[in-house]
Amino acid sequence: MALLLSVVTAVTTSATSLNASSFDAALAATPLFVAFVSPHCGFCHALKPTWDELSERLVGNVRAATVDATVEAELAARFGV
């Protein structure tokens, strides 16, 4: 599964894991920078430290988050993943 990054309009020190029930509330609270990932994706695992660092740097501006696209298939499809 390919990694797709989506910038969507909706602060924390590490990337937040979101699911279908938490996504819309997070989106309403602050701007989100979302990585739709797969637990079987080596690139996704390699990206995690950088994604967490990004989250720290963006505190107060944008929230970095991840969505497991293999579990949240409907949410991923909503954004064309």
PDB file of N, CA and C in Angstrom:
ATOM      1  N   MET A   1       0.858  -1.167   0.000  1.00  0.00           N
ATOM      2  CA  MET A   1       0.000   0.000   0.000  1.00  0.00           C
ATOM      3  C   MET A   1       0.904   1.229   0.000  1.00  0.00           C
ATOM      4  N   ALA A   2       0.592   2.164  -0.795  1.00  0.00           N
ATOM      5  CA  ALA A   2       1.367   3.392  -0.895  1.00  0.00           C
ATOM      6  C   ALA A   2       0.989   4.346   0.223  1.00  0.00           C
ATOM      7  N   LEU A   3       1.915   5.163   0.585  1.00  0.00           N
ATOM      8  CA  LEU A   3       1.680   6.182   1.595  1.00  0.00           C
ATOM      9  C   LEU A   3       1.145   7.417   0.890  1.00  0.00           C
ATOM     10  N   LEU A   4       0.075   7.967   1.421  1.00  0.00           N
ATOM     11  CA  LEU A   4      -0.472   9.196   0.862  1.00  0.00           C
ATOM     12  C   LEU A   4      -0.568  10.217   1.974  1.00  0.00           C
ATOM     13  N   LEU A   5      -0.031  11.376   1.744  1.00  0.00           N
ATOM     14  CA  LEU A   5      -0.117  12.463   2.701  1.00  0.00           C
ATOM     15  C   LEU A   5      -1.202  13.407   2.240  1.00  0.00           C
ATOM     16  N   SER A   6      -2.067  13.776   3.148  1.00  0.00           N
ATOM     17  CA  SER A   6      -3.141  14.705   2.816  1.00  0.00           C
ATOM     18  C   SER A   6      -3.098  15.870   3.785  1.00  0.00           C
ATOM     19  N   VAL A   7      -3.168  17.067   3.275  1.00  0.00           N
ATOM     20  CA  VAL A   7      -3.311  18.231   4.124  1.00  0.00           C
ATOM     21  C   VAL A   7      -4.786  18.558   4.124  1.00  0.00           C
ATOM     22  N   VAL A   8      -5.375  18.556   5.313  1.00  0.00           N
ATOM     23  CA  VAL A   8      -6.790  18.863   5.440  1.00  0.00           C
ATOM     24  C   VAL A   8      -6.967  19.892   6.528  1.00  0.00           C
ATOM     25  N   THR A   9      -8.012  20.758   6.366  1.00  0.00           N
ATOM     26  CA  THR A   9      -8.227  21.774   7.367  1.00  0.00           C
ATOM     27  C   THR A   9      -8.893  21.187   8.615  1.00  0.00           C
ATOM     28  N   ALA A  10      -8.396  21.261   9.863  1.00  0.00           N
ATOM     29  CA  ALA A  10      -8.837  20.917  11.234  1.00  0.00           C
ATOM     30  C   ALA A  10      -7.860  21.410  12.297  1.00  0.00           C
ATOM     31  N   VAL A  11      -2.827  20.074  18.765  1.00  0.00           N
ATOM     32  CA  VAL A  11      -1.403  20.314  18.766  1.00  0.00           C
ATOM     33  C   VAL A  11      -0.843  19.346  19.815  1.00  0.00           C
ATOM     34  N   THR A  12       0.101  18.800  19.548  1.00  0.00           N
ATOM     35  CA  THR A  12       0.608  17.626  20.270  1.00  0.00           C
ATOM     36  C   THR A  12       2.082  17.447  19.955  1.00  0.00           C
ATOM     37  N   THR A  13       2.819  16.736  20.778  1.00  0.00           N
ATOM     38  CA  THR A  13       4.251  16.621  20.541  1.00  0.00           C
ATOM     39  C   THR A  13       4.649  15.372  19.787  1.00  0.00           C
ATOM     40  N   SER A  14       3.777  14.442  19.600  1.00  0.00           N
ATOM     41  CA  SER A  14       4.058  13.310  18.726  1.00  0.00           C
ATOM     42  C   SER A  14       2.830  13.072  17.865  1.00  0.00           C
ATOM     43  N   ALA A  15       3.049  12.420  16.757  1.00  0.00           N
ATOM     44  CA  ALA A  15       1.944  12.199  15.829  1.00  0.00           C
ATOM     45  C   ALA A  15       0.828  11.425  16.524  1.00  0.00           C
ATOM     46  N   THR A  16      -0.380  11.878  16.315  1.00  0.00           N
ATOM     47  CA  THR A  16      -1.564  11.283  16.913  1.00  0.00           C
ATOM     48  C   THR A  16      -2.134  10.238  15.974  1.00  0.00           C
ATOM     49  N   SER A  17      -2.532   9.101  16.525  1.00  0.00           N
ATOM     50  CA  SER A  17      -3.217   8.075  15.736  1.00  0.00           C
ATOM     51  C   SER A  17      -4.699   8.384  15.728  1.00  0.00           C
ATOM     52  N   LEU A  18      -5.275   8.457  14.547  1.00  0.00           N
ATOM     53  CA  LEU A  18      -6.702   8.746  14.425  1.00  0.00           C
ATOM     54  C   LEU A  18      -7.432   7.566  13.802  1.00  0.00           C
ATOM     55  N   ASN A  19      -8.731   7.484  14.078  1.00  0.00           N
ATOM     56  CA  ASN A  19      -9.584   6.477  13.456  1.00  0.00           C
ATOM     57  C   ASN A  19     -10.868   7.166  13.004  1.00  0.00           C
ATOM     58  N   ALA A  20     -11.780   6.400  12.471  1.00  0.00           N
ATOM     59  CA  ALA A  20     -13.018   6.970  11.921  1.00  0.00           C
ATOM     60  C   ALA A  20     -13.802   7.749  12.966  1.00  0.00           C
ATOM     61  N   SER A  21     -13.789   7.283  14.208  1.00  0.00           N
ATOM     62  CA  SER A  21     -14.576   7.967  15.238  1.00  0.00           C
ATOM     63  C   SER A  21     -13.880   9.208  15.799  1.00  0.00           C
ATOM     64  N   SER A  22     -12.574   9.318  15.669  1.00  0.00           N
ATOM     65  CA  SER A  22     -11.870  10.481  16.218  1.00  0.00           C
ATOM     66  C   SER A  22     -11.445  11.495  15.160  1.00  0.00           C
ATOM     67  N   PHE A  23     -11.485  11.113  13.898  1.00  0.00           N
ATOM     68  CA  PHE A  23     -10.953  11.954  12.830  1.00  0.00           C
ATOM     69  C   PHE A  23     -11.674  13.290  12.704  1.00  0.00           C
ATOM     70  N   ASP A  24     -12.994  13.265  12.604  1.00  0.00           N
ATOM     71  CA  ASP A  24     -13.739  14.506  12.367  1.00  0.00           C
ATOM     72  C   ASP A  24     -13.605  15.489  13.522  1.00  0.00           C
ATOM     73  N   ALA A  25     -13.576  14.996  14.763  1.00  0.00           N
ATOM     74  CA  ALA A  25     -13.393  15.880  15.921  1.00  0.00           C
ATOM     75  C   ALA A  25     -12.005  16.514  15.890  1.00  0.00           C
ATOM     76  N   ALA A  26     -10.997  15.725  15.538  1.00  0.00           N
ATOM     77  CA  ALA A  26      -9.633  16.264  15.431  1.00  0.00           C
ATOM     78  C   ALA A  26      -9.560  17.299  14.324  1.00  0.00           C
ATOM     79  N   LEU A  27     -10.220  17.017  13.230  1.00  0.00           N
ATOM     80  CA  LEU A  27     -10.242  17.938  12.096  1.00  0.00           C
ATOM     81  C   LEU A  27     -10.920  19.255  12.451  1.00  0.00           C
ATOM     82  N   ALA A  28     -11.959  19.183  13.256  1.00  0.00           N
ATOM     83  CA  ALA A  28     -12.676  20.392  13.666  1.00  0.00           C
ATOM     84  C   ALA A  28     -11.860  21.220  14.656  1.00  0.00           C
ATOM     85  N   ALA A  29     -10.955  20.582  15.386  1.00  0.00           N
ATOM     86  CA  ALA A  29     -10.207  21.256  16.447  1.00  0.00           C
ATOM     87  C   ALA A  29      -9.008  22.060  15.944  1.00  0.00           C
ATOM     88  N   THR A  30      -8.307  21.570  14.938  1.00  0.00           N
ATOM     89  CA  THR A  30      -7.065  22.190  14.502  1.00  0.00           C
ATOM     90  C   THR A  30      -6.696  21.681  13.108  1.00  0.00           C
ATOM     91  N   PRO A  31      -5.882  22.431  12.350  1.00  0.00           N
ATOM     92  CA  PRO A  31      -5.436  21.905  11.052  1.00  0.00           C
ATOM     93  C   PRO A  31      -4.688  20.581  11.236  1.00  0.00           C
ATOM     94  N   LEU A  32      -4.891  19.648  10.317  1.00  0.00           N
ATOM     95  CA  LEU A  32      -4.246  18.335  10.374  1.00  0.00           C
ATOM     96  C   LEU A  32      -3.349  18.117   9.167  1.00  0.00           C
ATOM     97  N   PHE A  33      -2.226  17.481   9.403  1.00  0.00           N
ATOM     98  CA  PHE A  33      -1.349  16.978   8.355  1.00  0.00           C
ATOM     99  C   PHE A  33      -1.358  15.473   8.572  1.00  0.00           C
ATOM    100  N   VAL A  34      -2.005  14.726   7.680  1.00  0.00           N
ATOM    101  CA  VAL A  34      -2.304  13.313   7.920  1.00  0.00           C
ATOM    102  C   VAL A  34      -1.493  12.400   7.009  1.00  0.00           C
ATOM    103  N   ALA A  35      -0.918  11.358   7.601  1.00  0.00           N
ATOM    104  CA  ALA A  35      -0.287  10.285   6.840  1.00  0.00           C
ATOM    105  C   ALA A  35      -1.185   9.066   6.946  1.00  0.00           C
ATOM    106  N   PHE A  36      -1.699   8.605   5.819  1.00  0.00           N
ATOM    107  CA  PHE A  36      -2.445   7.350   5.779  1.00  0.00           C
ATOM    108  C   PHE A  36      -1.392   6.260   5.577  1.00  0.00           C
ATOM    109  N   VAL A  37      -1.268   5.357   6.549  1.00  0.00           N
ATOM    110  CA  VAL A  37      -0.177   4.381   6.564  1.00  0.00           C
ATOM    111  C   VAL A  37      -0.706   2.954   6.630  1.00  0.00           C
ATOM    112  N   SER A  38       0.205   2.019   6.427  1.00  0.00           N
ATOM    113  CA  SER A  38      -0.073   0.601   6.564  1.00  0.00           C
ATOM    114  C   SER A  38       0.966   0.000   7.496  1.00  0.00           C
ATOM    115  N   PRO A  39       0.564  -0.882   8.408  1.00  0.00           N
ATOM    116  CA  PRO A  39       1.538  -1.498   9.308  1.00  0.00           C
ATOM    117  C   PRO A  39       2.518  -2.413   8.567  1.00  0.00           C
ATOM    118  N   HIS A  40       2.213  -2.774   7.329  1.00  0.00           N
ATOM    119  CA  HIS A  40       3.070  -3.660   6.543  1.00  0.00           C
ATOM    120  C   HIS A  40       4.006  -2.899   5.616  1.00  0.00           C
ATOM    121  N   CYS A  41       3.949  -1.585   5.687  1.00  0.00           N
ATOM    122  CA  CYS A  41       4.727  -0.727   4.793  1.00  0.00           C
ATOM    123  C   CYS A  41       6.050  -0.329   5.455  1.00  0.00           C
ATOM    124  N   GLY A  42       7.150  -0.774   4.869  1.00  0.00           N
ATOM    125  CA  GLY A  42       8.469  -0.433   5.413  1.00  0.00           C
ATOM    126  C   GLY A  42       8.728   1.063   5.397  1.00  0.00           C
ATOM    127  N   PHE A  43       8.299   1.732   4.336  1.00  0.00           N
ATOM    128  CA  PHE A  43       8.480   3.180   4.251  1.00  0.00           C
ATOM    129  C   PHE A  43       7.724   3.879   5.379  1.00  0.00           C
ATOM    130  N   CYS A  44       6.522   3.394   5.684  1.00  0.00           N
ATOM    131  CA  CYS A  44       5.719   3.990   6.756  1.00  0.00           C
ATOM    132  C   CYS A  44       6.441   3.880   8.097  1.00  0.00           C
ATOM    133  N   HIS A  45       7.039   2.720   8.354  1.00  0.00           N
ATOM    134  CA  HIS A  45       7.802   2.536   9.605  1.00  0.00           C
ATOM    135  C   HIS A  45       9.024   3.450   9.633  1.00  0.00           C
ATOM    136  N   ALA A  46       9.692   3.581   8.502  1.00  0.00           N
ATOM    137  CA  ALA A  46      10.872   4.445   8.426  1.00  0.00           C
ATOM    138  C   ALA A  46      10.490   5.908   8.599  1.00  0.00           C
ATOM    139  N   LEU A  47       9.287   6.276   8.191  1.00  0.00           N
ATOM    140  CA  LEU A  47       8.830   7.661   8.283  1.00  0.00           C
ATOM    141  C   LEU A  47       8.473   8.067   9.718  1.00  0.00           C
ATOM    142  N   LYS A  48       8.132   7.117  10.580  1.00  0.00           N
ATOM    143  CA  LYS A  48       7.615   7.443  11.909  1.00  0.00           C
ATOM    144  C   LYS A  48       8.487   8.411  12.714  1.00  0.00           C
ATOM    145  N   PRO A  49       9.793   8.198  12.848  1.00  0.00           N
ATOM    146  CA  PRO A  49      10.592   9.169  13.626  1.00  0.00           C
ATOM    147  C   PRO A  49      10.548  10.579  13.038  1.00  0.00           C
ATOM    148  N   THR A  50      10.586  10.679  11.731  1.00  0.00           N
ATOM    149  CA  THR A  50      10.525  11.981  11.071  1.00  0.00           C
ATOM    150  C   THR A  50       9.151  12.603  11.268  1.00  0.00           C
ATOM    151  N   TRP A  51       8.108  11.790  11.195  1.00  0.00           N
ATOM    152  CA  TRP A  51       6.736  12.272  11.376  1.00  0.00           C
ATOM    153  C   TRP A  51       6.549  12.800  12.801  1.00  0.00           C
ATOM    154  N   ASP A  52       7.116  12.088  13.793  1.00  0.00           N
ATOM    155  CA  ASP A  52       7.030  12.548  15.174  1.00  0.00           C
ATOM    156  C   ASP A  52       7.799  13.854  15.371  1.00  0.00           C
ATOM    157  N   GLU A  53       8.952  13.972  14.720  1.00  0.00           N
ATOM    158  CA  GLU A  53       9.725  15.222  14.794  1.00  0.00           C
ATOM    159  C   GLU A  53       8.948  16.365  14.152  1.00  0.00           C
ATOM    160  N   LEU A  54       8.321  16.095  13.023  1.00  0.00           N
ATOM    161  CA  LEU A  54       7.485  17.094  12.359  1.00  0.00           C
ATOM    162  C   LEU A  54       6.391  17.567  13.305  1.00  0.00           C
ATOM    163  N   SER A  55       5.777  16.630  13.993  1.00  0.00           N
ATOM    164  CA  SER A  55       4.716  16.962  14.942  1.00  0.00           C
ATOM    165  C   SER A  55       5.223  17.919  16.013  1.00  0.00           C
ATOM    166  N   GLU A  56       6.425  17.657  16.529  1.00  0.00           N
ATOM    167  CA  GLU A  56       7.012  18.534  17.548  1.00  0.00           C
ATOM    168  C   GLU A  56       7.270  19.931  17.003  1.00  0.00           C
ATOM    169  N   ARG A  57       7.753  20.005  15.772  1.00  0.00           N
ATOM    170  CA  ARG A  57       8.070  21.304  15.173  1.00  0.00           C
ATOM    171  C   ARG A  57       6.826  22.126  14.840  1.00  0.00           C
ATOM    172  N   LEU A  58       5.714  21.446  14.603  1.00  0.00           N
ATOM    173  CA  LEU A  58       4.488  22.129  14.197  1.00  0.00           C
ATOM    174  C   LEU A  58       3.562  22.482  15.362  1.00  0.00           C
ATOM    175  N   VAL A  59       3.958  22.149  16.583  1.00  0.00           N
ATOM    176  CA  VAL A  59       3.101  22.402  17.742  1.00  0.00           C
ATOM    177  C   VAL A  59       2.608  23.841  17.718  1.00  0.00           C
ATOM    178  N   GLY A  60       1.308  23.986  17.891  1.00  0.00           N
ATOM    179  CA  GLY A  60       0.704  25.309  17.898  1.00  0.00           C
ATOM    180  C   GLY A  60       0.215  25.773  16.542  1.00  0.00           C
ATOM    181  N   ASN A  61       0.626  25.072  15.489  1.00  0.00           N
ATOM    182  CA  ASN A  61       0.230  25.466  14.137  1.00  0.00           C
ATOM    183  C   ASN A  61      -0.626  24.404  13.448  1.00  0.00           C
ATOM    184  N   VAL A  62      -0.079  23.209  13.371  1.00  0.00           N
ATOM    185  CA  VAL A  62      -0.711  22.098  12.667  1.00  0.00           C
ATOM    186  C   VAL A  62      -0.462  20.837  13.473  1.00  0.00           C
ATOM    187  N   ARG A  63      -1.412  19.921  13.449  1.00  0.00           N
ATOM    188  CA  ARG A  63      -1.266  18.649  14.159  1.00  0.00           C
ATOM    189  C   ARG A  63      -0.913  17.562  13.147  1.00  0.00           C
ATOM    190  N   ALA A  64       0.177  16.849  13.385  1.00  0.00           N
ATOM    191  CA  ALA A  64       0.552  15.710  12.553  1.00  0.00           C
ATOM    192  C   ALA A  64      -0.143  14.474  13.111  1.00  0.00           C
ATOM    193  N   ALA A  65      -0.756  13.708  12.221  1.00  0.00           N
ATOM    194  CA  ALA A  65      -1.505  12.531  12.642  1.00  0.00           C
ATOM    195  C   ALA A  65      -1.321  11.406  11.635  1.00  0.00           C
ATOM    196  N   THR A  66      -1.628  10.194  12.086  1.00  0.00           N
ATOM    197  CA  THR A  66      -1.611   9.039  11.195  1.00  0.00           C
ATOM    198  C   THR A  66      -2.955   8.334  11.252  1.00  0.00           C
ATOM    199  N   VAL A  67      -3.287   7.688  10.157  1.00  0.00           N
ATOM    200  CA  VAL A  67      -4.467   6.835  10.073  1.00  0.00           C
ATOM    201  C   VAL A  67      -4.003   5.514   9.469  1.00  0.00           C
ATOM    202  N   ASP A  68      -4.307   4.408  10.134  1.00  0.00           N
ATOM    203  CA  ASP A  68      -4.002   3.085   9.595  1.00  0.00           C
ATOM    204  C   ASP A  68      -5.014   2.803   8.491  1.00  0.00           C
ATOM    205  N   ALA A  69      -4.583   2.930   7.261  1.00  0.00           N
ATOM    206  CA  ALA A  69      -5.484   2.789   6.118  1.00  0.00           C
ATOM    207  C   ALA A  69      -5.966   1.358   5.926  1.00  0.00           C
ATOM    208  N   THR A  70      -5.283   0.384   6.522  1.00  0.00           N
ATOM    209  CA  THR A  70      -5.738  -1.000   6.405  1.00  0.00           C
ATOM    210  C   THR A  70      -6.902  -1.280   7.340  1.00  0.00           C
ATOM    211  N   VAL A  71      -6.982  -0.554   8.438  1.00  0.00           N
ATOM    212  CA  VAL A  71      -8.076  -0.709   9.401  1.00  0.00           C
ATOM    213  C   VAL A  71      -9.208   0.260   9.074  1.00  0.00           C
ATOM    214  N   GLU A  72      -8.844   1.469   8.704  1.00  0.00           N
ATOM    215  CA  GLU A  72      -9.823   2.531   8.442  1.00  0.00           C
ATOM    216  C   GLU A  72      -9.995   2.721   6.938  1.00  0.00           C
ATOM    217  N   ALA A  73     -10.401   1.648   6.270  1.00  0.00           N
ATOM    218  CA  ALA A  73     -10.519   1.672   4.799  1.00  0.00           C
ATOM    219  C   ALA A  73     -11.537   2.697   4.310  1.00  0.00           C
ATOM    220  N   GLU A  74     -12.649   2.845   5.012  1.00  0.00           N
ATOM    221  CA  GLU A  74     -13.660   3.825   4.579  1.00  0.00           C
ATOM    222  C   GLU A  74     -13.150   5.253   4.730  1.00  0.00           C
ATOM    223  N   LEU A  75     -12.446   5.509   5.821  1.00  0.00           N
ATOM    224  CA  LEU A  75     -11.871   6.844   6.027  1.00  0.00           C
ATOM    225  C   LEU A  75     -10.802   7.119   4.955  1.00  0.00           C
ATOM    226  N   ALA A  76      -9.973   6.136   4.685  1.00  0.00           N
ATOM    227  CA  ALA A  76      -8.959   6.294   3.641  1.00  0.00           C
ATOM    228  C   ALA A  76      -9.613   6.557   2.286  1.00  0.00           C
ATOM    229  N   ALA A  77     -10.664   5.830   1.982  1.00  0.00           N
ATOM    230  CA  ALA A  77     -11.370   6.004   0.702  1.00  0.00           C
ATOM    231  C   ALA A  77     -11.987   7.396   0.603  1.00  0.00           C
ATOM    232  N   ARG A  78     -12.431   7.910   1.719  1.00  0.00           N
ATOM    233  CA  ARG A  78     -13.012   9.268   1.754  1.00  0.00           C
ATOM    234  C   ARG A  78     -12.031  10.309   1.226  1.00  0.00           C
ATOM    235  N   PHE A  79     -10.722  10.040   1.405  1.00  0.00           N
ATOM    236  CA  PHE A  79      -9.686  10.953   0.964  1.00  0.00           C
ATOM    237  C   PHE A  79      -8.924  10.424  -0.241  1.00  0.00           C
ATOM    238  N   GLY A  80      -9.481   9.419  -0.897  1.00  0.00           N
ATOM    239  CA  GLY A  80      -8.886   8.919  -2.131  1.00  0.00           C
ATOM    240  C   GLY A  80      -7.660   8.069  -1.947  1.00  0.00           C
ATOM    241  N   VAL A  81      -7.515   7.482  -0.772  1.00  0.00           N
ATOM    242  CA  VAL A  81      -6.347   6.629  -0.510  1.00  0.00           C
ATOM    243  C   VAL A  81      -6.678   5.211  -0.886  1.00  0.00           C
TER     244      VAL A  81
END
